Amino acid sequence: MVAAGDLEGVVMNTTVIQDVLAESQSGKLMFPEVVRRLMEVGVESYFCDLARGEENFYMGDGQTHQEKMVLPLTPIAGEFSREDLVSAIRGAQADTIRYPEFMKRSAGAGVIAYWAFLGGSKVIYFGRRGEFHIEEFPRVQS
């Protein structure tokens, strides 16, 4: 894993980012694996714009990278439903749904974008009118 202080001169590994994105969008990866692999190459956070179908990746040294999503865009519901969003999150955490279904359900819950802070272990989901929901990463059971 690349520590934030060790980023000077490190080139963002866009190949790993592209691979993780492709595997996630095809439903092959669970979220903890996405986080692990992105952190290993120094990604500090990423922003997913469901309306535009884009993901932006950020490293601690200011480098950024943008990727178009291959999943079809799903219309964003006009009303933000925290309950429906949390249901989708719990389904993904329990591995009863994977990313493609999670994205459909999130859009159906009125999520227009989310920002995953890998080092901070949280995701902030945003609605169309500034509503938000903060979800802490689940604690790993030992």
Protein backbone atom coordinates (compact mmCIF):
# COMPACT_ATOMS: atom_id res chain seq x y z
CA MET A 1 0.00 0.00 0.00
CA VAL A 2 1.30 3.47 -0.86
CA ALA A 3 1.28 5.87 2.08
CA ALA A 4 0.30 9.49 1.41
CA GLY A 5 3.79 10.67 2.38
CA ASP A 6 5.38 8.27 -0.12
CA LEU A 7 3.60 9.62 -3.20
CA GLU A 8 6.25 12.02 -4.48
CA GLY A 9 7.23 10.88 -7.95
CA VAL A 10 4.71 8.01 -7.98
CA VAL A 11 2.78 7.82 -11.25
CA MET A 12 -0.88 6.95 -10.89
CA ASN A 13 -1.41 3.34 -12.00
CA THR A 14 -4.32 3.82 -14.37
CA THR A 15 -4.14 0.20 -15.53
CA VAL A 16 -5.07 -1.05 -12.05
CA ILE A 17 -7.80 1.59 -11.79
CA GLN A 18 -9.25 0.53 -15.16
CA ASP A 19 -9.08 -3.17 -14.22
CA VAL A 20 -10.78 -2.58 -10.85
CA LEU A 21 -13.48 -0.47 -12.48
CA ALA A 22 -14.13 -3.07 -15.20
CA GLU A 23 -14.26 -5.96 -12.72
CA SER A 24 -16.51 -4.01 -10.35
CA GLN A 25 -18.92 -2.95 -13.12
CA SER A 26 -19.13 -6.53 -14.37
CA GLY A 27 -20.12 -7.67 -10.86
CA LYS A 28 -16.93 -9.64 -10.17
CA LEU A 29 -15.63 -7.64 -7.17
CA MET A 30 -17.04 -6.88 -3.75
CA PHE A 31 -16.45 -3.40 -2.33
CA PRO A 32 -13.71 -4.40 0.18
CA GLU A 33 -11.62 -5.78 -2.69
CA VAL A 34 -12.14 -2.57 -4.68
CA VAL A 35 -10.94 -0.54 -1.70
CA ARG A 36 -7.91 -2.78 -1.07
CA ARG A 37 -6.73 -2.73 -4.68
CA LEU A 38 -7.19 1.01 -5.14
CA MET A 39 -5.41 1.81 -1.88
CA GLU A 40 -2.50 -0.42 -2.91
CA VAL A 41 -1.82 1.92 -5.83
CA GLY A 42 -2.25 5.10 -3.79
CA VAL A 43 -5.83 6.11 -4.59
CA GLU A 44 -7.04 8.24 -1.68
CA SER A 45 -10.64 8.75 -2.81
CA TYR A 46 -12.93 8.52 -5.79
CA PHE A 47 -16.04 10.38 -6.88
CA CYS A 48 -18.78 8.59 -8.84
CA ASP A 49 -21.16 10.78 -10.85
CA LEU A 50 -24.22 8.64 -11.60
CA ALA A 51 -25.78 11.33 -13.81
CA ARG A 52 -22.75 11.56 -16.12
CA GLY A 53 -21.56 7.97 -15.78
CA GLU A 54 -18.05 9.00 -14.76
CA GLU A 55 -15.67 8.15 -11.95
CA ASN A 56 -12.85 10.44 -10.86
CA PHE A 57 -9.93 9.03 -8.88
CA TYR A 58 -7.72 11.12 -6.59
CA MET A 59 -4.29 10.47 -5.13
CA GLY A 60 -2.91 12.25 -2.08
CA ASP A 61 -0.38 14.20 -4.15
CA GLY A 62 -3.04 15.83 -6.31
CA GLN A 63 -2.95 13.49 -9.32
CA THR A 64 -6.37 12.69 -10.75
CA HIS A 65 -7.77 10.33 -13.34
CA GLN A 66 -11.23 10.10 -14.91
CA GLU A 67 -12.93 7.03 -16.39
CA LYS A 68 -16.28 6.68 -18.17
CA MET A 69 -18.45 3.95 -16.71
CA VAL A 70 -19.61 1.16 -19.03
CA LEU A 71 -22.83 0.55 -17.08
CA PRO A 72 -25.88 2.08 -18.75
CA LEU A 73 -27.09 5.27 -17.11
CA THR A 74 -30.16 4.77 -14.93
CA PRO A 75 -32.53 7.72 -14.47
CA ILE A 76 -32.00 9.34 -11.07
CA ALA A 77 -35.18 9.37 -8.97
CA GLY A 78 -36.43 12.83 -8.04
CA GLU A 79 -36.81 12.00 -4.37
CA PHE A 80 -33.93 10.89 -2.14
CA SER A 81 -34.79 7.76 -0.15
CA ARG A 82 -32.31 7.09 2.63
CA GLU A 83 -34.14 3.84 3.42
CA ASP A 84 -33.85 2.52 -0.15
CA LEU A 85 -30.19 3.58 -0.31
CA VAL A 86 -29.35 1.86 2.97
CA SER A 87 -31.15 -1.26 1.74
CA ALA A 88 -28.95 -1.27 -1.38
CA ILE A 89 -25.81 -0.72 0.73
CA ARG A 90 -26.72 -3.61 3.04
CA GLY A 91 -27.38 -5.84 0.04
CA ALA A 92 -23.93 -5.05 -1.34
CA GLN A 93 -22.33 -5.61 2.08
CA ALA A 94 -24.07 -8.99 2.40
CA ASP A 95 -23.07 -9.83 -1.19
CA THR A 96 -26.69 -10.44 -2.18
CA ILE A 97 -26.25 -7.79 -4.90
CA ARG A 98 -23.18 -6.63 -6.78
CA TYR A 99 -22.22 -3.27 -8.24
CA PRO A 100 -24.46 -3.20 -11.34
CA GLU A 101 -27.58 -3.80 -9.22
CA PHE A 102 -26.27 -1.50 -6.50
CA MET A 103 -25.98 1.33 -9.04
CA LYS A 104 -29.55 0.77 -10.30
CA ARG A 105 -30.91 0.76 -6.76
CA SER A 106 -28.86 3.82 -5.78
CA ALA A 107 -30.20 5.80 -8.74
CA GLY A 108 -33.69 4.59 -7.83
CA ALA A 109 -33.07 5.91 -4.31
CA GLY A 110 -32.28 9.35 -5.74
CA VAL A 111 -28.47 9.19 -5.48
CA ILE A 112 -26.90 11.48 -8.06
CA ALA A 113 -23.31 10.95 -6.90
CA TYR A 114 -21.16 9.53 -4.15
CA TRP A 115 -17.65 10.14 -2.87
CA ALA A 116 -15.70 7.23 -1.37
CA PHE A 117 -12.94 8.31 1.02
CA LEU A 118 -10.76 5.20 1.24
CA GLY A 119 -8.39 6.43 3.95
CA GLY A 120 -11.30 7.86 5.93
CA SER A 121 -13.29 4.62 5.59
CA LYS A 122 -16.54 6.28 4.56
CA VAL A 123 -18.73 7.03 1.59
CA ILE A 124 -20.94 10.10 1.29
CA TYR A 125 -23.97 9.71 -0.98
CA PHE A 126 -25.63 12.82 -2.42
CA GLY A 127 -29.19 13.48 -3.58
CA ARG A 128 -30.33 15.93 -6.24
CA ARG A 129 -31.20 18.66 -3.75
CA GLY A 130 -28.27 18.38 -1.39
CA GLU A 131 -29.55 15.50 0.69
CA PHE A 132 -26.80 13.20 1.87
CA HIS A 133 -26.11 9.99 3.71
CA ILE A 134 -22.76 9.09 5.28
CA GLU A 135 -21.92 5.41 5.44
CA GLU A 136 -18.92 4.22 7.46
CA PHE A 137 -17.11 1.16 6.09
CA PRO A 138 -18.11 -1.98 8.01
CA ARG A 139 -15.65 -3.07 10.66
CA VAL A 140 -13.73 -6.20 9.74
CA GLN A 141 -14.64 -9.10 12.02
CA SER A 142 -11.56 -10.84 13.42
